[in-house]
C-alpha atoms as a PDB file:
ATOM      1  CA  UNK A   1      11.802 -51.057   3.157  1.00  0.00           C
ATOM      2  CA  UNK A   2       8.851 -50.890   5.494  1.00  0.00           C
ATOM      3  CA  UNK A   3       7.067 -47.743   6.546  1.00  0.00           C
ATOM      4  CA  UNK A   4       8.509 -47.833  10.056  1.00  0.00           C
ATOM      5  CA  UNK A   5      12.069 -48.217   8.698  1.00  0.00           C
ATOM      6  CA  UNK A   6      11.558 -45.334   6.278  1.00  0.00           C
ATOM      7  CA  UNK A   7      10.150 -43.032   8.939  1.00  0.00           C
ATOM      8  CA  UNK A   8      12.884 -44.026  11.379  1.00  0.00           C
ATOM      9  CA  UNK A   9      15.627 -43.068   8.903  1.00  0.00           C
ATOM     10  CA  UNK A  10      13.787 -39.839   8.060  1.00  0.00           C
ATOM     11  CA  UNK A  11      13.525 -38.988  11.751  1.00  0.00           C
ATOM     12  CA  UNK A  12      17.239 -39.661  12.168  1.00  0.00           C
ATOM     13  CA  UNK A  13      18.041 -37.307   9.285  1.00  0.00           C
ATOM     14  CA  UNK A  14      16.044 -34.559  10.982  1.00  0.00           C
ATOM     15  CA  UNK A  15      17.365 -35.219  14.470  1.00  0.00           C
ATOM     16  CA  UNK A  16      18.913 -31.749  14.732  1.00  0.00           C
ATOM     17  CA  UNK A  17      15.505 -30.063  14.600  1.00  0.00           C
ATOM     18  CA  UNK A  18      12.967 -29.702  17.363  1.00  0.00           C
ATOM     19  CA  UNK A  19      10.570 -32.539  18.121  1.00  0.00           C
ATOM     20  CA  UNK A  20       7.558 -30.619  16.803  1.00  0.00           C
ATOM     21  CA  UNK A  21       9.225 -29.904  13.473  1.00  0.00           C
ATOM     22  CA  UNK A  22      10.358 -33.503  13.113  1.00  0.00           C
ATOM     23  CA  UNK A  23       6.923 -34.884  14.029  1.00  0.00           C
ATOM     24  CA  UNK A  24       5.270 -32.560  11.502  1.00  0.00           C
ATOM     25  CA  UNK A  25       7.548 -33.719   8.676  1.00  0.00           C
ATOM     26  CA  UNK A  26       7.318 -37.407   9.601  1.00  0.00           C
ATOM     27  CA  UNK A  27       3.520 -37.225   9.853  1.00  0.00           C
ATOM     28  CA  UNK A  28       3.352 -35.833   6.340  1.00  0.00           C
ATOM     29  CA  UNK A  29       5.257 -38.790   4.872  1.00  0.00           C
ATOM     30  CA  UNK A  30       3.377 -41.250   7.040  1.00  0.00           C
ATOM     31  CA  UNK A  31       0.073 -39.961   5.643  1.00  0.00           C
ATOM     32  CA  UNK A  32       1.423 -40.276   2.109  1.00  0.00           C
ATOM     33  CA  UNK A  33       2.258 -43.936   2.656  1.00  0.00           C
ATOM     34  CA  UNK A  34      -1.081 -44.637   4.362  1.00  0.00           C
ATOM     35  CA  UNK A  35      -3.027 -42.994   1.523  1.00  0.00           C
ATOM     36  CA  UNK A  36      -1.287 -45.128  -1.086  1.00  0.00           C
ATOM     37  CA  UNK A  37      -1.818 -48.277   0.961  1.00  0.00           C
ATOM     38  CA  UNK A  38      -5.518 -47.460   1.226  1.00  0.00           C
ATOM     39  CA  UNK A  39      -5.555 -47.063  -2.563  1.00  0.00           C
ATOM     40  CA  UNK A  40      -4.515 -50.716  -2.904  1.00  0.00           C
ATOM     41  CA  UNK A  41      -0.725 -50.421  -3.105  1.00  0.00           C
ATOM     42  CA  UNK A  42       1.411 -52.606  -0.861  1.00  0.00           C
ATOM     43  CA  UNK A  43       3.388 -50.950   1.916  1.00  0.00           C
ATOM     44  CA  UNK A  44       6.743 -51.784   0.250  1.00  0.00           C
ATOM     45  CA  UNK A  45       5.598 -50.315  -3.073  1.00  0.00           C
ATOM     46  CA  UNK A  46       4.220 -47.221  -1.372  1.00  0.00           C
ATOM     47  CA  UNK A  47       7.496 -46.632   0.444  1.00  0.00           C
ATOM     48  CA  UNK A  48       9.500 -47.385  -2.708  1.00  0.00           C
ATOM     49  CA  UNK A  49       7.628 -44.668  -4.629  1.00  0.00           C
ATOM     50  CA  UNK A  50       8.919 -42.052  -2.202  1.00  0.00           C
ATOM     51  CA  UNK A  51      12.281 -40.350  -2.408  1.00  0.00           C
ATOM     52  CA  UNK A  52      15.000 -41.934  -0.245  1.00  0.00           C
ATOM     53  CA  UNK A  53      14.892 -40.849   3.422  1.00  0.00           C
ATOM     54  CA  UNK A  54      18.240 -39.033   3.187  1.00  0.00           C
ATOM     55  CA  UNK A  55      17.090 -37.012   0.162  1.00  0.00           C
ATOM     56  CA  UNK A  56      13.762 -36.256   1.810  1.00  0.00           C
ATOM     57  CA  UNK A  57      15.526 -35.047   4.955  1.00  0.00           C
ATOM     58  CA  UNK A  58      17.920 -32.887   2.904  1.00  0.00           C
ATOM     59  CA  UNK A  59      15.039 -31.312   0.985  1.00  0.00           C
ATOM     60  CA  UNK A  60      13.073 -30.606   4.175  1.00  0.00           C
ATOM     61  CA  UNK A  61      16.131 -28.988   5.722  1.00  0.00           C
ATOM     62  CA  UNK A  62      16.689 -26.816   2.630  1.00  0.00           C
ATOM     63  CA  UNK A  63      13.110 -25.563   2.850  1.00  0.00           C
ATOM     64  CA  UNK A  64      13.463 -24.553   6.485  1.00  0.00           C
ATOM     65  CA  UNK A  65      13.863 -20.836   7.334  1.00  0.00           C
ATOM     66  CA  UNK A  66      17.449 -19.623   7.611  1.00  0.00           C
ATOM     67  CA  UNK A  67      17.626 -19.164  11.383  1.00  0.00           C
ATOM     68  CA  UNK A  68      16.139 -22.566  12.388  1.00  0.00           C
ATOM     69  CA  UNK A  69      18.270 -24.218   9.719  1.00  0.00           C
ATOM     70  CA  UNK A  70      21.444 -22.583  11.055  1.00  0.00           C
ATOM     71  CA  UNK A  71      20.504 -23.487  14.620  1.00  0.00           C
ATOM     72  CA  UNK A  72      19.894 -27.086  13.566  1.00  0.00           C
ATOM     73  CA  UNK A  73      23.299 -27.292  11.952  1.00  0.00           C
ATOM     74  CA  UNK A  74      24.890 -26.069  15.162  1.00  0.00           C
ATOM     75  CA  UNK A  75      23.024 -28.778  17.106  1.00  0.00           C
ATOM     76  CA  UNK A  76      23.910 -31.449  14.592  1.00  0.00           C
ATOM     77  CA  UNK A  77      26.262 -34.179  15.870  1.00  0.00           C
ATOM     78  CA  UNK A  78      28.328 -33.695  12.703  1.00  0.00           C
ATOM     79  CA  UNK A  79      29.153 -30.105  13.669  1.00  0.00           C
ATOM     80  CA  UNK A  80      32.237 -29.826  15.890  1.00  0.00           C
ATOM     81  CA  UNK A  81      31.367 -28.645  19.376  1.00  0.00           C
ATOM     82  CA  UNK A  82      34.051 -25.974  19.158  1.00  0.00           C
ATOM     83  CA  UNK A  83      32.257 -24.366  16.185  1.00  0.00           C
ATOM     84  CA  UNK A  84      29.027 -24.096  18.121  1.00  0.00           C
ATOM     85  CA  UNK A  85      30.790 -22.540  21.099  1.00  0.00           C
ATOM     86  CA  UNK A  86      32.680 -20.125  18.843  1.00  0.00           C
ATOM     87  CA  UNK A  87      29.463 -19.021  17.140  1.00  0.00           C
ATOM     88  CA  UNK A  88      27.684 -18.380  20.448  1.00  0.00           C
ATOM     89  CA  UNK A  89      30.682 -16.431  21.765  1.00  0.00           C
ATOM     90  CA  UNK A  90      30.818 -14.367  18.572  1.00  0.00           C
ATOM     91  CA  UNK A  91      27.123 -13.532  18.848  1.00  0.00           C
ATOM     92  CA  UNK A  92      27.480 -12.468  22.486  1.00  0.00           C
ATOM     93  CA  UNK A  93      30.653 -10.433  21.949  1.00  0.00           C
ATOM     94  CA  UNK A  94      29.292  -8.791  18.813  1.00  0.00           C
ATOM     95  CA  UNK A  95      25.923  -7.927  20.379  1.00  0.00           C
ATOM     96  CA  UNK A  96      26.984  -4.308  21.181  1.00  0.00           C
ATOM     97  CA  UNK A  97      27.455  -3.854  17.449  1.00  0.00           C
ATOM     98  CA  UNK A  98      24.739  -5.858  15.720  1.00  0.00           C
ATOM     99  CA  UNK A  99      21.907  -5.079  18.172  1.00  0.00           C
ATOM    100  CA  UNK A 100      22.141  -1.251  17.771  1.00  0.00           C
ATOM    101  CA  UNK A 101      22.622  -1.732  14.035  1.00  0.00           C
ATOM    102  CA  UNK A 102      19.514  -3.906  13.766  1.00  0.00           C
ATOM    103  CA  UNK A 103      17.510  -1.442  15.877  1.00  0.00           C
ATOM    104  CA  UNK A 104      18.744   1.420  13.705  1.00  0.00           C
ATOM    105  CA  UNK A 105      17.612  -0.327  10.544  1.00  0.00           C
ATOM    106  CA  UNK A 106      14.217  -1.040  12.102  1.00  0.00           C
ATOM    107  CA  UNK A 107      13.828   2.595  13.159  1.00  0.00           C
ATOM    108  CA  UNK A 108      14.717   3.815   9.679  1.00  0.00           C
ATOM    109  CA  UNK A 109      12.166   1.504   8.085  1.00  0.00           C
ATOM    110  CA  UNK A 110       9.482   2.497  10.599  1.00  0.00           C
ATOM    111  CA  UNK A 111      10.309   6.175  10.065  1.00  0.00           C
ATOM    112  CA  UNK A 112       9.968   5.773   6.308  1.00  0.00           C
ATOM    113  CA  UNK A 113       6.549   4.169   6.706  1.00  0.00           C
ATOM    114  CA  UNK A 114       5.417   6.932   9.086  1.00  0.00           C
ATOM    115  CA  UNK A 115       6.529   9.549   6.556  1.00  0.00           C
ATOM    116  CA  UNK A 116       4.730   7.754   3.745  1.00  0.00           C
ATOM    117  CA  UNK A 117       1.601   7.490   5.885  1.00  0.00           C
ATOM    118  CA  UNK A 118       1.681  11.234   6.557  1.00  0.00           C
ATOM    119  CA  UNK A 119       2.095  11.938   2.853  1.00  0.00           C
ATOM    120  CA  UNK A 120      -0.793   9.600   2.090  1.00  0.00           C
ATOM    121  CA  UNK A 121      -3.050  11.408   4.576  1.00  0.00           C
ATOM    122  CA  UNK A 122      -2.163  14.702   2.884  1.00  0.00           C
ATOM    123  CA  UNK A 123      -3.041  13.277  -0.536  1.00  0.00           C
ATOM    124  CA  UNK A 124      -6.404  12.063   0.766  1.00  0.00           C
ATOM    125  CA  UNK A 125      -7.127  15.434   2.403  1.00  0.00           C
ATOM    126  CA  UNK A 126      -6.225  17.452  -0.702  1.00  0.00           C
ATOM    127  CA  UNK A 127      -8.171  15.179  -3.049  1.00  0.00           C
ATOM    128  CA  UNK A 128     -11.237  15.191  -0.790  1.00  0.00           C
ATOM    129  CA  UNK A 129     -11.185  18.987  -0.459  1.00  0.00           C
ATOM    130  CA  UNK A 130     -10.980  19.377  -4.242  1.00  0.00           C
ATOM    131  CA  UNK A 131     -14.287  17.499  -4.569  1.00  0.00           C
ATOM    132  CA  UNK A 132     -15.939  20.603  -3.100  1.00  0.00           C
ATOM    133  CA  UNK A 133     -15.070  22.450  -6.296  1.00  0.00           C
ATOM    134  CA  UNK A 134     -18.251  21.403  -8.113  1.00  0.00           C
ATOM    135  CA  UNK A 135     -20.740  22.685  -5.495  1.00  0.00           C
ATOM    136  CA  UNK A 136     -18.695  25.850  -5.105  1.00  0.00           C
ATOM    137  CA  UNK A 137     -18.740  26.263  -8.884  1.00  0.00           C
ATOM    138  CA  UNK A 138     -22.521  25.917  -8.911  1.00  0.00           C
ATOM    139  CA  UNK A 139     -22.728  28.552  -6.177  1.00  0.00           C
ATOM    140  CA  UNK A 140     -20.597  30.863  -8.320  1.00  0.00           C
ATOM    141  CA  UNK A 141     -22.909  30.206 -11.263  1.00  0.00           C
ATOM    142  CA  UNK A 142     -25.975  31.257  -9.276  1.00  0.00           C
ATOM    143  CA  UNK A 143     -24.135  34.201  -7.719  1.00  0.00           C
ATOM    144  CA  UNK A 144     -22.850  35.375 -11.095  1.00  0.00           C
ATOM    145  CA  UNK A 145     -26.304  35.266 -12.628  1.00  0.00           C
ATOM    146  CA  UNK A 146     -27.667  37.170  -9.638  1.00  0.00           C
ATOM    147  CA  UNK A 147     -24.944  39.804  -9.947  1.00  0.00           C
ATOM    148  CA  UNK A 148     -25.419  40.059 -13.705  1.00  0.00           C
ATOM    149  CA  UNK A 149     -21.894  38.812 -14.414  1.00  0.00           C
ATOM    150  CA  UNK A 150     -21.985  36.098 -17.055  1.00  0.00           C
ATOM    151  CA  UNK A 151     -18.201  36.073 -17.254  1.00  0.00           C
ATOM    152  CA  UNK A 152     -17.824  35.595 -13.502  1.00  0.00           C
ATOM    153  CA  UNK A 153     -20.465  32.865 -13.457  1.00  0.00           C
ATOM    154  CA  UNK A 154     -18.788  30.916 -16.262  1.00  0.00           C
ATOM    155  CA  UNK A 155     -15.282  31.317 -14.867  1.00  0.00           C
ATOM    156  CA  UNK A 156     -16.356  30.333 -11.345  1.00  0.00           C
ATOM    157  CA  UNK A 157     -18.288  27.327 -12.605  1.00  0.00           C
ATOM    158  CA  UNK A 158     -15.433  26.282 -14.897  1.00  0.00           C
ATOM    159  CA  UNK A 159     -12.806  26.471 -12.157  1.00  0.00           C
ATOM    160  CA  UNK A 160     -14.991  24.529  -9.724  1.00  0.00           C
ATOM    161  CA  UNK A 161     -15.837  21.738 -12.157  1.00  0.00           C
ATOM    162  CA  UNK A 162     -12.232  21.417 -13.347  1.00  0.00           C
ATOM    163  CA  UNK A 163     -10.930  21.270  -9.784  1.00  0.00           C
ATOM    164  CA  UNK A 164     -13.456  18.539  -8.945  1.00  0.00           C
ATOM    165  CA  UNK A 165     -12.313  16.523 -11.971  1.00  0.00           C
ATOM    166  CA  UNK A 166      -8.729  16.738 -10.758  1.00  0.00           C
ATOM    167  CA  UNK A 167      -9.932  15.781  -7.275  1.00  0.00           C
ATOM    168  CA  UNK A 168     -11.602  12.639  -8.630  1.00  0.00           C
ATOM    169  CA  UNK A 169      -8.287  11.615 -10.201  1.00  0.00           C
ATOM    170  CA  UNK A 170      -6.619  12.448  -6.891  1.00  0.00           C
ATOM    171  CA  UNK A 171      -8.978  10.088  -5.057  1.00  0.00           C
ATOM    172  CA  UNK A 172      -7.922   7.260  -7.358  1.00  0.00           C
ATOM    173  CA  UNK A 173      -4.301   8.185  -6.758  1.00  0.00           C
ATOM    174  CA  UNK A 174      -4.925   8.074  -2.997  1.00  0.00           C
ATOM    175  CA  UNK A 175      -6.622   4.659  -3.273  1.00  0.00           C
ATOM    176  CA  UNK A 176      -3.728   3.234  -5.293  1.00  0.00           C
ATOM    177  CA  UNK A 177      -1.174   4.740  -2.903  1.00  0.00           C
ATOM    178  CA  UNK A 178      -3.046   3.284   0.087  1.00  0.00           C
ATOM    179  CA  UNK A 179      -3.017  -0.203  -1.436  1.00  0.00           C
ATOM    180  CA  UNK A 180       0.684   0.092  -2.266  1.00  0.00           C
ATOM    181  CA  UNK A 181       1.492   1.200   1.277  1.00  0.00           C
ATOM    182  CA  UNK A 182      -0.420  -1.735   2.791  1.00  0.00           C
ATOM    183  CA  UNK A 183       1.268  -4.172   0.390  1.00  0.00           C
ATOM    184  CA  UNK A 184       4.670  -2.683   1.231  1.00  0.00           C
ATOM    185  CA  UNK A 185       4.041  -3.115   4.969  1.00  0.00           C
ATOM    186  CA  UNK A 186       2.904  -6.725   4.496  1.00  0.00           C
ATOM    187  CA  UNK A 187       5.837  -7.485   2.190  1.00  0.00           C
ATOM    188  CA  UNK A 188       8.352  -6.050   4.664  1.00  0.00           C
ATOM    189  CA  UNK A 189       6.759  -7.918   7.555  1.00  0.00           C
ATOM    190  CA  UNK A 190       6.945 -11.203   5.655  1.00  0.00           C
ATOM    191  CA  UNK A 191      10.530 -10.491   4.660  1.00  0.00           C
ATOM    192  CA  UNK A 192      11.495  -9.789   8.281  1.00  0.00           C
ATOM    193  CA  UNK A 193       9.931 -12.968   9.710  1.00  0.00           C
ATOM    194  CA  UNK A 194      10.890 -15.223   6.781  1.00  0.00           C
ATOM    195  CA  UNK A 195      14.318 -16.118   8.276  1.00  0.00           C
ATOM    196  CA  UNK A 196      12.529 -17.380  11.404  1.00  0.00           C
ATOM    197  CA  UNK A 197       9.162 -18.693  10.180  1.00  0.00           C
ATOM    198  CA  UNK A 198       8.280 -20.520   6.985  1.00  0.00           C
ATOM    199  CA  UNK A 199       6.113 -17.926   5.234  1.00  0.00           C
ATOM    200  CA  UNK A 200       7.055 -18.565   1.626  1.00  0.00           C
ATOM    201  CA  UNK A 201       9.097 -16.307  -0.600  1.00  0.00           C
ATOM    202  CA  UNK A 202       7.812 -12.723  -0.313  1.00  0.00           C
ATOM    203  CA  UNK A 203       6.588 -11.624  -3.730  1.00  0.00           C
ATOM    204  CA  UNK A 204       5.505  -8.237  -4.953  1.00  0.00           C
ATOM    205  CA  UNK A 205       2.421  -9.020  -6.993  1.00  0.00           C
ATOM    206  CA  UNK A 206       1.199  -6.349  -9.370  1.00  0.00           C
ATOM    207  CA  UNK A 207      -2.584  -5.979  -9.407  1.00  0.00           C
ATOM    208  CA  UNK A 208      -4.519  -4.722 -12.408  1.00  0.00           C
ATOM    209  CA  UNK A 209      -6.818  -1.710 -12.299  1.00  0.00           C
ATOM    210  CA  UNK A 210     -10.507  -2.380 -11.777  1.00  0.00           C
ATOM    211  CA  UNK A 211     -12.547  -1.640 -14.943  1.00  0.00           C
ATOM    212  CA  UNK A 212     -14.750   0.789 -12.975  1.00  0.00           C
ATOM    213  CA  UNK A 213     -11.807   3.150 -12.613  1.00  0.00           C
ATOM    214  CA  UNK A 214     -11.712   3.581 -16.396  1.00  0.00           C
ATOM    215  CA  UNK A 215     -15.211   5.071 -16.208  1.00  0.00           C
ATOM    216  CA  UNK A 216     -14.134   7.253 -13.289  1.00  0.00           C
ATOM    217  CA  UNK A 217     -11.184   8.523 -15.318  1.00  0.00           C
ATOM    218  CA  UNK A 218     -13.476   9.295 -18.248  1.00  0.00           C
ATOM    219  CA  UNK A 219     -15.876  11.256 -16.035  1.00  0.00           C
ATOM    220  CA  UNK A 220     -12.977  13.147 -14.456  1.00  0.00           C
ATOM    221  CA  UNK A 221     -11.522  13.979 -17.870  1.00  0.00           C
ATOM    222  CA  UNK A 222     -14.914  15.234 -19.082  1.00  0.00           C
ATOM    223  CA  UNK A 223     -15.250  17.397 -15.977  1.00  0.00           C
ATOM    224  CA  UNK A 224     -11.811  18.902 -16.491  1.00  0.00           C
ATOM    225  CA  UNK A 225     -12.575  19.520 -20.172  1.00  0.00           C
ATOM    226  CA  UNK A 226     -15.962  21.101 -19.458  1.00  0.00           C
ATOM    227  CA  UNK A 227     -14.412  23.212 -16.717  1.00  0.00           C
ATOM    228  CA  UNK A 228     -11.665  24.498 -19.017  1.00  0.00           C
ATOM    229  CA  UNK A 229     -14.135  25.291 -21.801  1.00  0.00           C
ATOM    230  CA  UNK A 230     -16.447  27.088 -19.389  1.00  0.00           C
ATOM    231  CA  UNK A 231     -13.585  29.043 -17.849  1.00  0.00           C
ATOM    232  CA  UNK A 232     -12.228  30.075 -21.253  1.00  0.00           C
ATOM    233  CA  UNK A 233     -15.735  31.092 -22.347  1.00  0.00           C
ATOM    234  CA  UNK A 234     -16.064  33.303 -19.293  1.00  0.00           C
ATOM    235  CA  UNK A 235     -12.652  34.801 -19.894  1.00  0.00           C
ATOM    236  CA  UNK A 236     -13.620  35.359 -23.515  1.00  0.00           C
ATOM    237  CA  UNK A 237     -16.639  37.379 -22.362  1.00  0.00           C
ATOM    238  CA  UNK A 238     -14.162  39.864 -20.898  1.00  0.00           C
ATOM    239  CA  UNK A 239     -12.197  40.039 -24.130  1.00  0.00           C
ATOM    240  CA  UNK A 240      -9.449  37.933 -22.546  1.00  0.00           C
ATOM    241  CA  UNK A 241      -8.518  40.929 -20.420  1.00  0.00           C
ATOM    242  CA  UNK A 242      -7.021  39.868 -17.105  1.00  0.00           C
ATOM    243  CA  UNK A 243      -8.064  43.008 -15.237  1.00  0.00           C
ATOM    244  CA  UNK A 244     -11.662  42.719 -16.423  1.00  0.00           C
ATOM    245  CA  UNK A 245     -11.711  39.008 -15.579  1.00  0.00           C
ATOM    246  CA  UNK A 246     -10.453  39.738 -12.050  1.00  0.00           C
ATOM    247  CA  UNK A 247     -13.095  42.431 -11.634  1.00  0.00           C
ATOM    248  CA  UNK A 248     -15.898  40.119 -12.756  1.00  0.00           C
ATOM    249  CA  UNK A 249     -14.704  37.341 -10.459  1.00  0.00           C
ATOM    250  CA  UNK A 250     -14.509  39.787  -7.565  1.00  0.00           C
ATOM    251  CA  UNK A 251     -18.063  40.945  -8.220  1.00  0.00           C
ATOM    252  CA  UNK A 252     -19.283  37.343  -8.450  1.00  0.00           C
ATOM    253  CA  UNK A 253     -17.439  36.412  -5.253  1.00  0.00           C
ATOM    254  CA  UNK A 254     -19.079  39.278  -3.385  1.00  0.00           C
ATOM    255  CA  UNK A 255     -22.447  38.024  -4.612  1.00  0.00           C
ATOM    256  CA  UNK A 256     -21.585  34.489  -3.495  1.00  0.00           C
ATOM    257  CA  UNK A 257     -20.784  35.758  -0.022  1.00  0.00           C
ATOM    258  CA  UNK A 258     -24.323  37.094   0.209  1.00  0.00           C
ATOM    259  CA  UNK A 259     -25.504  33.489   0.306  1.00  0.00           C
ATOM    260  CA  UNK A 260     -23.165  32.556   3.143  1.00  0.00           C
ATOM    261  CA  UNK A 261     -23.209  35.756   5.219  1.00  0.00           C
ATOM    262  CA  UNK A 262     -26.610  34.931   6.803  1.00  0.00           C
ATOM    263  CA  UNK A 263     -24.939  31.809   8.175  1.00  0.00           C
ATOM    264  CA  UNK A 264     -22.250  33.928   9.771  1.00  0.00           C
ATOM    265  CA  UNK A 265     -19.681  32.734   7.240  1.00  0.00           C
ATOM    266  CA  UNK A 266     -17.651  34.512   4.636  1.00  0.00           C
ATOM    267  CA  UNK A 267     -16.301  31.642   2.617  1.00  0.00           C
ATOM    268  CA  UNK A 268     -14.776  33.604  -0.224  1.00  0.00           C
ATOM    269  CA  UNK A 269     -12.418  36.551  -0.433  1.00  0.00           C
ATOM    270  CA  UNK A 270     -13.692  39.126  -2.911  1.00  0.00           C
ATOM    271  CA  UNK A 271     -10.576  41.261  -2.870  1.00  0.00           C
ATOM    272  CA  UNK A 272      -9.928  44.642  -1.222  1.00  0.00           C
ATOM    273  CA  UNK A 273     -12.818  46.991  -0.805  1.00  0.00           C
ATOM    274  CA  UNK A 274     -12.678  49.907  -3.269  1.00  0.00           C
ATOM    275  CA  UNK A 275     -11.452  53.187  -1.793  1.00  0.00           C
ATOM    276  CA  UNK A 276     -14.113  55.807  -2.557  1.00  0.00           C
ATOM    277  CA  UNK A 277     -12.320  58.574  -0.638  1.00  0.00           C
ATOM    278  CA  UNK A 278     -10.096  59.202  -3.651  1.00  0.00           C
ATOM    279  CA  UNK A 279     -13.038  59.959  -5.909  1.00  0.00           C
END
């Protein structure tokens, strides 16, 4: 069989498809034959090494997306004309049902992604705000020393450092969640267009964690541990008495506000002012 005969039979097997699709498939096989001929193989041997035209056409059709493949079958001369007409009529008559249903599914999916995006923004905001714990803890340390409250200084520093450690872990959680959301959007988009366009089989590929995050986790764990130890040490200075601990923290908070009051800010609530009228 010559190259022209092979390509002619292949084109006939793909006659139900559009001209562009047929030309693309035929060009691929034509290049295969030409490459083997250039390598020193005769045209008959090059054509004989290929799969038969009918099998090649069947394989190409099976790899087509579902919608173009179904449309091609309807256009095929082997398909009774009455079937094609019946399918078109069914699509038109059923449009009041399947169009709202399809739109409803799309709206549900879009709504889910909007909700997930809002949740992701909240995670980012909370994690980022928790990173302020360390500088606030340092401010409490200075304020506690200034006020002469070792317990308040240690408890304020411990809470701030521990909160920052949790915030660092929260940032990693937000990064992972962001990547998952982007992958989910891409996966859904590919799944939606796959019946119409050849995009390959959508796969959910699991990515491994970057080694740098292990160091970040270690630092965050150390910060949480140091914060807990510092907080417990400060609480221990009060004899593990909750009322005394609250009093020391209130005194330290009032001292911390002295640093921010000149800026016109009162960042911390020191508790209710004592009522001296009862004394």
